[in-house]
Amino acid sequence: MKGLLEYLACQLVDSPDQVRVQEIEGERSIILELRVAPEDMGKVIGRQGKTAQAIRTLVKAAGLRENKRVMVEII
């Protein structure tokens, strides 16, 4: 799921070399922290958060395959 999130974020931003994803894994859940360049933050969040919500939905669906609860935090 980390790879999926990195791929999605890199496709959206102007500075893909500054995309960082940190994975914090628990017993039944995974927290993915997404960091992008400050000027790319708006592109990742989108209007009214719609892009961010779409990213969270895709990653959450991928997590269901592994019976894990996945949360994406955009920092």
C-alpha atoms as a PDB file:
ATOM      1  CA  MET A   1       0.000   0.000   0.000  1.00  0.00           C
ATOM      2  CA  LYS A   2       2.949   2.290   0.577  1.00  0.00           C
ATOM      3  CA  GLY A   3       3.926   1.864  -3.070  1.00  0.00           C
ATOM      4  CA  LEU A   4       0.398   2.612  -4.244  1.00  0.00           C
ATOM      5  CA  LEU A   5       0.261   5.824  -2.228  1.00  0.00           C
ATOM      6  CA  GLU A   6       3.697   6.917  -3.481  1.00  0.00           C
ATOM      7  CA  TYR A   7       2.644   6.248  -7.075  1.00  0.00           C
ATOM      8  CA  LEU A   8      -0.614   8.186  -6.744  1.00  0.00           C
ATOM      9  CA  ALA A   9       1.063  11.159  -5.068  1.00  0.00           C
ATOM     10  CA  CYS A  10       3.916  11.296  -7.577  1.00  0.00           C
ATOM     11  CA  GLN A  11       1.425  11.476 -10.437  1.00  0.00           C
ATOM     12  CA  LEU A  12      -0.336  14.474  -8.878  1.00  0.00           C
ATOM     13  CA  VAL A  13       2.534  16.728  -7.814  1.00  0.00           C
ATOM     14  CA  ASP A  14       5.077  18.891  -9.652  1.00  0.00           C
ATOM     15  CA  SER A  15       7.987  17.722  -7.437  1.00  0.00           C
ATOM     16  CA  PRO A  16       7.732  13.911  -7.285  1.00  0.00           C
ATOM     17  CA  ASP A  17      11.245  13.692  -5.809  1.00  0.00           C
ATOM     18  CA  GLN A  18       9.940  15.313  -2.595  1.00  0.00           C
ATOM     19  CA  VAL A  19       7.153  12.785  -2.025  1.00  0.00           C
ATOM     20  CA  ARG A  20       7.763  10.774   1.147  1.00  0.00           C
ATOM     21  CA  VAL A  21       5.569   8.053   2.619  1.00  0.00           C
ATOM     22  CA  GLN A  22       6.211   6.653   6.081  1.00  0.00           C
ATOM     23  CA  GLU A  23       4.422   3.477   7.101  1.00  0.00           C
ATOM     24  CA  ILE A  24       3.521   2.804  10.730  1.00  0.00           C
ATOM     25  CA  GLU A  25       2.193  -0.718  11.036  1.00  0.00           C
ATOM     26  CA  GLY A  26       0.122  -2.015  13.903  1.00  0.00           C
ATOM     27  CA  GLU A  27      -1.432  -5.387  14.505  1.00  0.00           C
ATOM     28  CA  ARG A  28      -4.557  -4.791  12.453  1.00  0.00           C
ATOM     29  CA  SER A  29      -4.025  -1.311  11.067  1.00  0.00           C
ATOM     30  CA  ILE A  30      -1.553   0.700   9.040  1.00  0.00           C
ATOM     31  CA  ILE A  31      -1.020   4.450   9.166  1.00  0.00           C
ATOM     32  CA  LEU A  32       0.547   5.990   6.074  1.00  0.00           C
ATOM     33  CA  GLU A  33       1.967   9.491   6.484  1.00  0.00           C
ATOM     34  CA  LEU A  34       2.257  11.345   3.183  1.00  0.00           C
ATOM     35  CA  ARG A  35       4.637  14.292   2.950  1.00  0.00           C
ATOM     36  CA  VAL A  36       4.884  16.485  -0.136  1.00  0.00           C
ATOM     37  CA  ALA A  37       6.477  19.834  -0.970  1.00  0.00           C
ATOM     38  CA  PRO A  38       4.521  22.781   0.501  1.00  0.00           C
ATOM     39  CA  GLU A  39       3.670  24.127  -2.957  1.00  0.00           C
ATOM     40  CA  ASP A  40       2.160  20.739  -3.930  1.00  0.00           C
ATOM     41  CA  MET A  41      -0.067  20.424  -0.865  1.00  0.00           C
ATOM     42  CA  GLY A  42      -3.069  21.938  -2.655  1.00  0.00           C
ATOM     43  CA  LYS A  43      -2.795  19.458  -5.511  1.00  0.00           C
ATOM     44  CA  VAL A  44      -2.828  16.497  -3.155  1.00  0.00           C
ATOM     45  CA  ILE A  45      -5.749  17.813  -1.102  1.00  0.00           C
ATOM     46  CA  GLY A  46      -7.811  19.127  -4.027  1.00  0.00           C
ATOM     47  CA  ARG A  47     -10.901  21.292  -3.954  1.00  0.00           C
ATOM     48  CA  GLN A  48     -12.818  20.757  -0.739  1.00  0.00           C
ATOM     49  CA  GLY A  49     -10.604  17.739  -0.037  1.00  0.00           C
ATOM     50  CA  LYS A  50     -12.016  15.629  -2.845  1.00  0.00           C
ATOM     51  CA  THR A  51      -8.644  14.475  -4.175  1.00  0.00           C
ATOM     52  CA  ALA A  52      -7.463  13.545  -0.677  1.00  0.00           C
ATOM     53  CA  GLN A  53     -10.675  11.615  -0.081  1.00  0.00           C
ATOM     54  CA  ALA A  54     -10.268   9.745  -3.373  1.00  0.00           C
ATOM     55  CA  ILE A  55      -6.694   8.794  -2.444  1.00  0.00           C
ATOM     56  CA  ARG A  56      -7.863   7.568   0.968  1.00  0.00           C
ATOM     57  CA  THR A  57     -10.629   5.503  -0.655  1.00  0.00           C
ATOM     58  CA  LEU A  58      -8.229   3.800  -3.091  1.00  0.00           C
ATOM     59  CA  VAL A  59      -5.671   2.986  -0.404  1.00  0.00           C
ATOM     60  CA  LYS A  60      -8.383   1.785   1.977  1.00  0.00           C
ATOM     61  CA  ALA A  61      -9.729  -0.557  -0.720  1.00  0.00           C
ATOM     62  CA  ALA A  62      -6.233  -1.988  -1.228  1.00  0.00           C
ATOM     63  CA  GLY A  63      -5.968  -2.533   2.524  1.00  0.00           C
ATOM     64  CA  LEU A  64      -9.154  -4.590   2.578  1.00  0.00           C
ATOM     65  CA  ARG A  65      -7.394  -7.248   0.500  1.00  0.00           C
ATOM     66  CA  GLU A  66      -4.982  -7.809   3.394  1.00  0.00           C
ATOM     67  CA  ASN A  67      -7.637  -7.424   6.106  1.00  0.00           C
ATOM     68  CA  LYS A  68      -5.937  -4.286   7.373  1.00  0.00           C
ATOM     69  CA  ARG A  69      -7.438  -0.933   8.290  1.00  0.00           C
ATOM     70  CA  VAL A  70      -5.470   1.754   6.461  1.00  0.00           C
ATOM     71  CA  MET A  71      -5.431   5.447   7.351  1.00  0.00           C
ATOM     72  CA  VAL A  72      -3.732   8.098   5.230  1.00  0.00           C
ATOM     73  CA  GLU A  73      -2.506  11.274   6.903  1.00  0.00           C
ATOM     74  CA  ILE A  74      -1.342  14.135   4.711  1.00  0.00           C
ATOM     75  CA  ILE A  75       1.337  16.110   6.523  1.00  0.00           C
END
